[in-house]
């Protein structure tokens, strides 16, 4: 059972993790802003994580940035996604 005084976290259903991979260029920052806006519009409980460490980007198997990974699945590489694409990925991930 969840208690405000314990370190336990409540179970989160429909929780997703969206990673935006990029080194900080304008396109990467734009991709991050689009992903955050899509999450806000969709109303899902999602954690948006910016990954800028080149070694972590390489570990993900991504050769070009920006890239977007939704729940461990690479969805875009080397381009800024359209907001409609991100909303579709969020919906697909919840199915």
PDB file of N, CA and C in Angstrom:
ATOM      1  N   UNK A   1       0.837  -1.175   0.000  1.00  0.00           N
ATOM      2  CA  UNK A   1       0.000   0.000   0.000  1.00  0.00           C
ATOM      3  C   UNK A   1       0.885   1.241   0.000  1.00  0.00           C
ATOM      4  N   UNK A   2       0.471   2.249  -0.701  1.00  0.00           N
ATOM      5  CA  UNK A   2       1.237   3.481  -0.825  1.00  0.00           C
ATOM      6  C   UNK A   2       1.047   4.350   0.409  1.00  0.00           C
ATOM      7  N   UNK A   3       2.127   4.892   0.892  1.00  0.00           N
ATOM      8  CA  UNK A   3       2.086   5.822   2.016  1.00  0.00           C
ATOM      9  C   UNK A   3       2.998   6.995   1.687  1.00  0.00           C
ATOM     10  N   UNK A   4       2.549   8.190   2.027  1.00  0.00           N
ATOM     11  CA  UNK A   4       3.368   9.370   1.760  1.00  0.00           C
ATOM     12  C   UNK A   4       4.673   9.323   2.538  1.00  0.00           C
ATOM     13  N   UNK A   5       4.738   8.489   3.553  1.00  0.00           N
ATOM     14  CA  UNK A   5       5.913   8.441   4.402  1.00  0.00           C
ATOM     15  C   UNK A   5       6.843   7.281   4.067  1.00  0.00           C
ATOM     16  N   UNK A   6       6.555   6.571   3.009  1.00  0.00           N
ATOM     17  CA  UNK A   6       7.431   5.471   2.625  1.00  0.00           C
ATOM     18  C   UNK A   6       8.086   5.794   1.288  1.00  0.00           C
ATOM     19  N   UNK A   7       9.075   5.009   0.945  1.00  0.00           N
ATOM     20  CA  UNK A   7       9.769   5.227  -0.325  1.00  0.00           C
ATOM     21  C   UNK A   7       9.088   4.467  -1.466  1.00  0.00           C
ATOM     22  N   UNK A   8       8.024   3.726  -1.146  1.00  0.00           N
ATOM     23  CA  UNK A   8       7.311   2.989  -2.179  1.00  0.00           C
ATOM     24  C   UNK A   8       6.590   3.948  -3.111  1.00  0.00           C
ATOM     25  N   UNK A   9       6.562   3.575  -4.365  1.00  0.00           N
ATOM     26  CA  UNK A   9       5.829   4.376  -5.340  1.00  0.00           C
ATOM     27  C   UNK A   9       4.583   3.612  -5.741  1.00  0.00           C
ATOM     28  N   UNK A  10       3.500   4.308  -5.983  1.00  0.00           N
ATOM     29  CA  UNK A  10       2.300   3.598  -6.411  1.00  0.00           C
ATOM     30  C   UNK A  10       2.507   3.019  -7.802  1.00  0.00           C
ATOM     31  N   UNK A  11       1.801   1.933  -8.081  1.00  0.00           N
ATOM     32  CA  UNK A  11       1.876   1.363  -9.422  1.00  0.00           C
ATOM     33  C   UNK A  11       1.268   2.343 -10.396  1.00  0.00           C
ATOM     34  N   UNK A  12       1.910   2.492 -11.540  1.00  0.00           N
ATOM     35  CA  UNK A  12       1.429   3.433 -12.534  1.00  0.00           C
ATOM     36  C   UNK A  12       1.021   2.659 -13.768  1.00  0.00           C
ATOM     37  N   UNK A  13      -0.231   2.767 -14.096  1.00  0.00           N
ATOM     38  CA  UNK A  13      -0.718   2.109 -15.297  1.00  0.00           C
ATOM     39  C   UNK A  13      -0.640   3.109 -16.441  1.00  0.00           C
ATOM     40  N   UNK A  14      -0.381   2.610 -17.629  1.00  0.00           N
ATOM     41  CA  UNK A  14      -0.250   3.441 -18.817  1.00  0.00           C
ATOM     42  C   UNK A  14       0.902   4.432 -18.714  1.00  0.00           C
ATOM     43  N   UNK A  15       1.884   4.132 -17.886  1.00  0.00           N
ATOM     44  CA  UNK A  15       3.059   4.980 -17.745  1.00  0.00           C
ATOM     45  C   UNK A  15       4.012   4.642 -18.877  1.00  0.00           C
ATOM     46  N   UNK A  16       4.538   5.667 -19.514  1.00  0.00           N
ATOM     47  CA  UNK A  16       5.497   5.403 -20.577  1.00  0.00           C
ATOM     48  C   UNK A  16       6.714   6.299 -20.439  1.00  0.00           C
ATOM     49  N   UNK A  17       7.782   5.851 -21.072  1.00  0.00           N
ATOM     50  CA  UNK A  17       9.028   6.609 -21.082  1.00  0.00           C
ATOM     51  C   UNK A  17       9.331   6.973 -22.525  1.00  0.00           C
ATOM     52  N   UNK A  18       9.528   8.265 -22.762  1.00  0.00           N
ATOM     53  CA  UNK A  18       9.877   8.744 -24.093  1.00  0.00           C
ATOM     54  C   UNK A  18      11.236   9.419 -23.985  1.00  0.00           C
ATOM     55  N   UNK A  19      12.179   8.925 -24.772  1.00  0.00           N
ATOM     56  CA  UNK A  19      13.523   9.483 -24.768  1.00  0.00           C
ATOM     57  C   UNK A  19      13.744  10.283 -26.052  1.00  0.00           C
ATOM     58  N   UNK A  20      14.315  11.464 -25.885  1.00  0.00           N
ATOM     59  CA  UNK A  20      14.713  12.280 -27.022  1.00  0.00           C
ATOM     60  C   UNK A  20      16.231  12.312 -27.014  1.00  0.00           C
ATOM     61  N   UNK A  21      16.828  11.750 -28.047  1.00  0.00           N
ATOM     62  CA  UNK A  21      18.273  11.655 -28.126  1.00  0.00           C
ATOM     63  C   UNK A  21      18.800  12.778 -28.999  1.00  0.00           C
ATOM     64  N   UNK A  22      19.756  13.524 -28.468  1.00  0.00           N
ATOM     65  CA  UNK A  22      20.348  14.617 -29.224  1.00  0.00           C
ATOM     66  C   UNK A  22      21.386  15.333 -28.397  1.00  0.00           C
ATOM     67  N   UNK A  23      22.315  15.962 -29.092  1.00  0.00           N
ATOM     68  CA  UNK A  23      23.447  16.588 -28.412  1.00  0.00           C
ATOM     69  C   UNK A  23      23.218  18.039 -28.031  1.00  0.00           C
ATOM     70  N   UNK A  24      22.047  18.576 -28.323  1.00  0.00           N
ATOM     71  CA  UNK A  24      21.749  19.940 -27.924  1.00  0.00           C
ATOM     72  C   UNK A  24      21.634  20.913 -29.078  1.00  0.00           C
ATOM     73  N   UNK A  25      21.625  20.416 -30.292  1.00  0.00           N
ATOM     74  CA  UNK A  25      21.476  21.295 -31.448  1.00  0.00           C
ATOM     75  C   UNK A  25      20.032  21.810 -31.523  1.00  0.00           C
ATOM     76  N   UNK A  26      19.803  22.752 -32.389  1.00  0.00           N
ATOM     77  CA  UNK A  26      18.474  23.346 -32.525  1.00  0.00           C
ATOM     78  C   UNK A  26      17.438  22.288 -32.891  1.00  0.00           C
ATOM     79  N   UNK A  27      17.767  21.399 -33.812  1.00  0.00           N
ATOM     80  CA  UNK A  27      16.817  20.355 -34.223  1.00  0.00           C
ATOM     81  C   UNK A  27      16.493  19.412 -33.070  1.00  0.00           C
ATOM     82  N   UNK A  28      17.479  19.083 -32.274  1.00  0.00           N
ATOM     83  CA  UNK A  28      17.259  18.188 -31.127  1.00  0.00           C
ATOM     84  C   UNK A  28      16.380  18.869 -30.078  1.00  0.00           C
ATOM     85  N   UNK A  29      16.616  20.144 -29.835  1.00  0.00           N
ATOM     86  CA  UNK A  29      15.798  20.887 -28.876  1.00  0.00           C
ATOM     87  C   UNK A  29      14.367  21.039 -29.382  1.00  0.00           C
ATOM     88  N   UNK A  30      14.217  21.214 -30.691  1.00  0.00           N
ATOM     89  CA  UNK A  30      12.884  21.295 -31.280  1.00  0.00           C
ATOM     90  C   UNK A  30      12.153  19.971 -31.127  1.00  0.00           C
ATOM     91  N   UNK A  31      12.849  18.861 -31.364  1.00  0.00           N
ATOM     92  CA  UNK A  31      12.243  17.536 -31.205  1.00  0.00           C
ATOM     93  C   UNK A  31      11.776  17.334 -29.768  1.00  0.00           C
ATOM     94  N   UNK A  32      12.575  17.751 -28.809  1.00  0.00           N
ATOM     95  CA  UNK A  32      12.199  17.617 -27.404  1.00  0.00           C
ATOM     96  C   UNK A  32      10.948  18.450 -27.097  1.00  0.00           C
ATOM     97  N   UNK A  33      10.889  19.664 -27.610  1.00  0.00           N
ATOM     98  CA  UNK A  33       9.728  20.528 -27.371  1.00  0.00           C
ATOM     99  C   UNK A  33       8.463  19.928 -27.980  1.00  0.00           C
ATOM    100  N   UNK A  34       8.574  19.344 -29.165  1.00  0.00           N
ATOM    101  CA  UNK A  34       7.422  18.716 -29.821  1.00  0.00           C
ATOM    102  C   UNK A  34       6.944  17.519 -29.015  1.00  0.00           C
ATOM    103  N   UNK A  35       7.869  16.710 -28.537  1.00  0.00           N
ATOM    104  CA  UNK A  35       7.499  15.541 -27.734  1.00  0.00           C
ATOM    105  C   UNK A  35       6.794  15.982 -26.452  1.00  0.00           C
ATOM    106  N   UNK A  36       7.313  16.991 -25.788  1.00  0.00           N
ATOM    107  CA  UNK A  36       6.689  17.471 -24.549  1.00  0.00           C
ATOM    108  C   UNK A  36       5.295  18.028 -24.827  1.00  0.00           C
ATOM    109  N   UNK A  37       5.135  18.732 -25.934  1.00  0.00           N
ATOM    110  CA  UNK A  37       3.818  19.263 -26.282  1.00  0.00           C
ATOM    111  C   UNK A  37       2.839  18.133 -26.571  1.00  0.00           C
ATOM    112  N   UNK A  38       3.287  17.105 -27.287  1.00  0.00           N
ATOM    113  CA  UNK A  38       2.422  15.966 -27.600  1.00  0.00           C
ATOM    114  C   UNK A  38       1.993  15.244 -26.328  1.00  0.00           C
ATOM    115  N   UNK A  39       2.903  15.083 -25.387  1.00  0.00           N
ATOM    116  CA  UNK A  39       2.571  14.436 -24.114  1.00  0.00           C
ATOM    117  C   UNK A  39       1.526  15.271 -23.377  1.00  0.00           C
ATOM    118  N   UNK A  40       1.708  16.571 -23.392  1.00  0.00           N
ATOM    119  CA  UNK A  40       0.745  17.463 -22.738  1.00  0.00           C
ATOM    120  C   UNK A  40      -0.630  17.366 -23.381  1.00  0.00           C
ATOM    121  N   UNK A  41      -0.679  17.360 -24.694  1.00  0.00           N
ATOM    122  CA  UNK A  41      -1.950  17.267 -25.422  1.00  0.00           C
ATOM    123  C   UNK A  41      -2.638  15.935 -25.155  1.00  0.00           C
ATOM    124  N   UNK A  42      -1.856  14.857 -25.151  1.00  0.00           N
ATOM    125  CA  UNK A  42      -2.425  13.518 -25.007  1.00  0.00           C
ATOM    126  C   UNK A  42      -2.926  13.246 -23.601  1.00  0.00           C
ATOM    127  N   UNK A  43      -2.330  13.905 -22.604  1.00  0.00           N
ATOM    128  CA  UNK A  43      -2.737  13.690 -21.226  1.00  0.00           C
ATOM    129  C   UNK A  43      -2.229  12.401 -20.613  1.00  0.00           C
ATOM    130  N   UNK A  44      -1.308  11.711 -21.277  1.00  0.00           N
ATOM    131  CA  UNK A  44      -0.780  10.463 -20.731  1.00  0.00           C
ATOM    132  C   UNK A  44       0.235  10.747 -19.637  1.00  0.00           C
ATOM    133  N   UNK A  45       0.439   9.753 -18.797  1.00  0.00           N
ATOM    134  CA  UNK A  45       1.438   9.829 -17.749  1.00  0.00           C
ATOM    135  C   UNK A  45       2.747   9.338 -18.361  1.00  0.00           C
ATOM    136  N   UNK A  46       3.572  10.272 -18.812  1.00  0.00           N
ATOM    137  CA  UNK A  46       4.808   9.896 -19.495  1.00  0.00           C
ATOM    138  C   UNK A  46       5.977  10.689 -18.945  1.00  0.00           C
ATOM    139  N   UNK A  47       7.107  10.029 -18.905  1.00  0.00           N
ATOM    140  CA  UNK A  47       8.353  10.670 -18.520  1.00  0.00           C
ATOM    141  C   UNK A  47       9.117  10.973 -19.804  1.00  0.00           C
ATOM    142  N   UNK A  48       9.432  12.235 -20.035  1.00  0.00           N
ATOM    143  CA  UNK A  48      10.228  12.626 -21.200  1.00  0.00           C
ATOM    144  C   UNK A  48      11.655  12.849 -20.717  1.00  0.00           C
ATOM    145  N   UNK A  49      12.581  12.103 -21.307  1.00  0.00           N
ATOM    146  CA  UNK A  49      13.977  12.148 -20.889  1.00  0.00           C
ATOM    147  C   UNK A  49      14.828  12.621 -22.064  1.00  0.00           C
ATOM    148  N   UNK A  50      15.643  13.632 -21.835  1.00  0.00           N
ATOM    149  CA  UNK A  50      16.583  14.100 -22.861  1.00  0.00           C
ATOM    150  C   UNK A  50      17.891  13.371 -22.653  1.00  0.00           C
ATOM    151  N   UNK A  51      18.376  12.691 -23.678  1.00  0.00           N
ATOM    152  CA  UNK A  51      19.634  11.956 -23.618  1.00  0.00           C
ATOM    153  C   UNK A  51      20.626  12.678 -24.524  1.00  0.00           C
ATOM    154  N   UNK A  52      21.649  13.270 -23.929  1.00  0.00           N
ATOM    155  CA  UNK A  52      22.618  14.021 -24.723  1.00  0.00           C
ATOM    156  C   UNK A  52      24.018  13.417 -24.697  1.00  0.00           C
ATOM    157  N   UNK A  53      24.230  12.420 -23.859  1.00  0.00           N
ATOM    158  CA  UNK A  53      25.532  11.753 -23.780  1.00  0.00           C
ATOM    159  C   UNK A  53      25.738  10.908 -25.037  1.00  0.00           C
ATOM    160  N   UNK A  54      26.803  11.200 -25.753  1.00  0.00           N
ATOM    161  CA  UNK A  54      27.071  10.501 -27.035  1.00  0.00           C
ATOM    162  C   UNK A  54      27.210   8.990 -26.860  1.00  0.00           C
ATOM    163  N   UNK A  55      27.755   8.549 -25.743  1.00  0.00           N
ATOM    164  CA  UNK A  55      27.901   7.106 -25.504  1.00  0.00           C
ATOM    165  C   UNK A  55      26.536   6.454 -25.314  1.00  0.00           C
ATOM    166  N   UNK A  56      25.632   7.123 -24.597  1.00  0.00           N
ATOM    167  CA  UNK A  56      24.276   6.589 -24.400  1.00  0.00           C
ATOM    168  C   UNK A  56      23.511   6.560 -25.721  1.00  0.00           C
ATOM    169  N   UNK A  57      23.719   7.573 -26.538  1.00  0.00           N
ATOM    170  CA  UNK A  57      23.073   7.619 -27.857  1.00  0.00           C
ATOM    171  C   UNK A  57      23.570   6.455 -28.700  1.00  0.00           C
ATOM    172  N   UNK A  58      24.880   6.211 -28.672  1.00  0.00           N
ATOM    173  CA  UNK A  58      25.453   5.096 -29.431  1.00  0.00           C
ATOM    174  C   UNK A  58      24.939   3.756 -28.914  1.00  0.00           C
ATOM    175  N   UNK A  59      24.789   3.615 -27.597  1.00  0.00           N
ATOM    176  CA  UNK A  59      24.267   2.371 -27.021  1.00  0.00           C
ATOM    177  C   UNK A  59      22.855   2.076 -27.505  1.00  0.00           C
ATOM    178  N   UNK A  60      22.107   3.121 -27.812  1.00  0.00           N
ATOM    179  CA  UNK A  60      20.739   2.940 -28.309  1.00  0.00           C
ATOM    180  C   UNK A  60      20.734   2.513 -29.770  1.00  0.00           C
ATOM    181  N   UNK A  61      21.903   2.505 -30.405  1.00  0.00           N
ATOM    182  CA  UNK A  61      21.989   2.091 -31.806  1.00  0.00           C
ATOM    183  C   UNK A  61      21.610   3.196 -32.770  1.00  0.00           C
ATOM    184  N   UNK A  62      21.617   4.418 -32.287  1.00  0.00           N
ATOM    185  CA  UNK A  62      21.227   5.564 -33.112  1.00  0.00           C
ATOM    186  C   UNK A  62      22.479   6.204 -33.695  1.00  0.00           C
ATOM    187  N   UNK A  63      22.488   6.390 -35.017  1.00  0.00           N
ATOM    188  CA  UNK A  63      23.642   6.973 -35.680  1.00  0.00           C
ATOM    189  C   UNK A  63      23.443   8.445 -36.012  1.00  0.00           C
ATOM    190  N   UNK A  64      22.196   8.894 -36.046  1.00  0.00           N
ATOM    191  CA  UNK A  64      21.900  10.292 -36.349  1.00  0.00           C
ATOM    192  C   UNK A  64      20.904  10.827 -35.330  1.00  0.00           C
ATOM    193  N   UNK A  65      21.044  12.105 -35.021  1.00  0.00           N
ATOM    194  CA  UNK A  65      20.097  12.746 -34.106  1.00  0.00           C
ATOM    195  C   UNK A  65      19.434  13.900 -34.834  1.00  0.00           C
ATOM    196  N   UNK A  66      18.278  14.318 -34.369  1.00  0.00           N
ATOM    197  CA  UNK A  66      17.564  13.840 -33.194  1.00  0.00           C
ATOM    198  C   UNK A  66      16.939  12.473 -33.435  1.00  0.00           C
ATOM    199  N   UNK A  67      16.675  11.793 -32.343  1.00  0.00           N
ATOM    200  CA  UNK A  67      15.988  10.508 -32.389  1.00  0.00           C
ATOM    201  C   UNK A  67      14.984  10.465 -31.243  1.00  0.00           C
ATOM    202  N   UNK A  68      13.929   9.693 -31.443  1.00  0.00           N
ATOM    203  CA  UNK A  68      12.899   9.548 -30.417  1.00  0.00           C
ATOM    204  C   UNK A  68      12.672   8.057 -30.172  1.00  0.00           C
ATOM    205  N   UNK A  69      12.672   7.681 -28.902  1.00  0.00           N
ATOM    206  CA  UNK A  69      12.432   6.300 -28.495  1.00  0.00           C
ATOM    207  C   UNK A  69      11.243   6.308 -27.548  1.00  0.00           C
ATOM    208  N   UNK A  70      10.226   5.510 -27.869  1.00  0.00           N
ATOM    209  CA  UNK A  70       9.028   5.406 -27.033  1.00  0.00           C
ATOM    210  C   UNK A  70       8.972   4.001 -26.448  1.00  0.00           C
ATOM    211  N   UNK A  71       9.039   3.922 -25.128  1.00  0.00           N
ATOM    212  CA  UNK A  71       9.014   2.635 -24.424  1.00  0.00           C
ATOM    213  C   UNK A  71       9.985   1.624 -25.027  1.00  0.00           C
ATOM    214  N   UNK A  72      11.194   2.091 -25.337  1.00  0.00           N
ATOM    215  CA  UNK A  72      12.241   1.209 -25.835  1.00  0.00           C
ATOM    216  C   UNK A  72      12.225   0.958 -27.321  1.00  0.00           C
ATOM    217  N   UNK A  73      11.268   1.519 -28.042  1.00  0.00           N
ATOM    218  CA  UNK A  73      11.173   1.320 -29.486  1.00  0.00           C
ATOM    219  C   UNK A  73      11.581   2.597 -30.211  1.00  0.00           C
ATOM    220  N   UNK A  74      12.587   2.500 -31.076  1.00  0.00           N
ATOM    221  CA  UNK A  74      13.050   3.656 -31.842  1.00  0.00           C
ATOM    222  C   UNK A  74      11.973   4.021 -32.852  1.00  0.00           C
ATOM    223  N   UNK A  75      11.517   5.265 -32.787  1.00  0.00           N
ATOM    224  CA  UNK A  75      10.432   5.732 -33.656  1.00  0.00           C
ATOM    225  C   UNK A  75      10.906   6.704 -34.721  1.00  0.00           C
ATOM    226  N   UNK A  76      11.953   7.473 -34.454  1.00  0.00           N
ATOM    227  CA  UNK A  76      12.452   8.443 -35.435  1.00  0.00           C
ATOM    228  C   UNK A  76      13.954   8.589 -35.263  1.00  0.00           C
ATOM    229  N   UNK A  77      14.660   8.710 -36.370  1.00  0.00           N
ATOM    230  CA  UNK A  77      16.104   8.896 -36.352  1.00  0.00           C
ATOM    231  C   UNK A  77      16.475   9.933 -37.411  1.00  0.00           C
ATOM    232  N   UNK A  78      17.234  10.932 -37.004  1.00  0.00           N
ATOM    233  CA  UNK A  78      17.768  11.904 -37.942  1.00  0.00           C
ATOM    234  C   UNK A  78      16.785  12.930 -38.445  1.00  0.00           C
ATOM    235  N   UNK A  79      15.630  13.038 -37.765  1.00  0.00           N
ATOM    236  CA  UNK A  79      14.661  14.047 -38.192  1.00  0.00           C
ATOM    237  C   UNK A  79      13.844  14.523 -37.004  1.00  0.00           C
ATOM    238  N   UNK A  80      13.307  15.720 -37.157  1.00  0.00           N
ATOM    239  CA  UNK A  80      12.403  16.269 -36.153  1.00  0.00           C
ATOM    240  C   UNK A  80      11.017  15.715 -36.461  1.00  0.00           C
ATOM    241  N   UNK A  81      10.402  15.012 -35.513  1.00  0.00           N
ATOM    242  CA  UNK A  81       9.088  14.429 -35.786  1.00  0.00           C
ATOM    243  C   UNK A  81       7.990  15.488 -35.807  1.00  0.00           C
ATOM    244  N   UNK A  82       6.947  15.202 -36.540  1.00  0.00           N
ATOM    245  CA  UNK A  82       5.749  16.040 -36.518  1.00  0.00           C
ATOM    246  C   UNK A  82       4.967  15.688 -35.260  1.00  0.00           C
ATOM    247  N   UNK A  83       4.237  16.636 -34.725  1.00  0.00           N
ATOM    248  CA  UNK A  83       3.478  16.385 -33.504  1.00  0.00           C
ATOM    249  C   UNK A  83       2.456  15.267 -33.711  1.00  0.00           C
ATOM    250  N   UNK A  84       1.891  15.175 -34.907  1.00  0.00           N
ATOM    251  CA  UNK A  84       0.925  14.115 -35.214  1.00  0.00           C
ATOM    252  C   UNK A  84       1.576  12.740 -35.106  1.00  0.00           C
ATOM    253  N   UNK A  85       2.848  12.649 -35.528  1.00  0.00           N
ATOM    254  CA  UNK A  85       3.571  11.377 -35.427  1.00  0.00           C
ATOM    255  C   UNK A  85       3.740  10.981 -33.961  1.00  0.00           C
ATOM    256  N   UNK A  86       4.145  11.927 -33.136  1.00  0.00           N
ATOM    257  CA  UNK A  86       4.365  11.634 -31.713  1.00  0.00           C
ATOM    258  C   UNK A  86       3.054  11.220 -31.052  1.00  0.00           C
ATOM    259  N   UNK A  87       1.974  11.913 -31.359  1.00  0.00           N
ATOM    260  CA  UNK A  87       0.666  11.537 -30.805  1.00  0.00           C
ATOM    261  C   UNK A  87       0.281  10.125 -31.234  1.00  0.00           C
ATOM    262  N   UNK A  88       0.566   9.761 -32.469  1.00  0.00           N
ATOM    263  CA  UNK A  88       0.271   8.406 -32.948  1.00  0.00           C
ATOM    264  C   UNK A  88       1.114   7.382 -32.193  1.00  0.00           C
ATOM    265  N   UNK A  89       2.397   7.669 -31.985  1.00  0.00           N
ATOM    266  CA  UNK A  89       3.275   6.751 -31.249  1.00  0.00           C
ATOM    267  C   UNK A  89       2.784   6.561 -29.818  1.00  0.00           C
ATOM    268  N   UNK A  90       2.327   7.639 -29.211  1.00  0.00           N
ATOM    269  CA  UNK A  90       1.808   7.548 -27.839  1.00  0.00           C
ATOM    270  C   UNK A  90       0.571   6.651 -27.825  1.00  0.00           C
ATOM    271  N   UNK A  91      -0.334   6.851 -28.761  1.00  0.00           N
ATOM    272  CA  UNK A  91      -1.540   6.021 -28.832  1.00  0.00           C
ATOM    273  C   UNK A  91      -1.210   4.568 -29.099  1.00  0.00           C
ATOM    274  N   UNK A  92      -0.266   4.313 -29.997  1.00  0.00           N
ATOM    275  CA  UNK A  92       0.137   2.935 -30.301  1.00  0.00           C
ATOM    276  C   UNK A  92       0.748   2.263 -29.079  1.00  0.00           C
ATOM    277  N   UNK A  93       1.507   3.015 -28.313  1.00  0.00           N
ATOM    278  CA  UNK A  93       2.162   2.453 -27.134  1.00  0.00           C
ATOM    279  C   UNK A  93       1.167   2.087 -26.054  1.00  0.00           C
ATOM    280  N   UNK A  94       0.052   2.773 -26.018  1.00  0.00           N
ATOM    281  CA  UNK A  94      -0.981   2.482 -25.012  1.00  0.00           C
ATOM    282  C   UNK A  94      -1.870   1.328 -25.406  1.00  0.00           C
ATOM    283  N   UNK A  95      -1.828   0.923 -26.645  1.00  0.00           N
ATOM    284  CA  UNK A  95      -2.700  -0.175 -27.116  1.00  0.00           C
ATOM    285  C   UNK A  95      -2.198  -1.519 -26.677  1.00  0.00           C
TER     286      UNK A  95
END
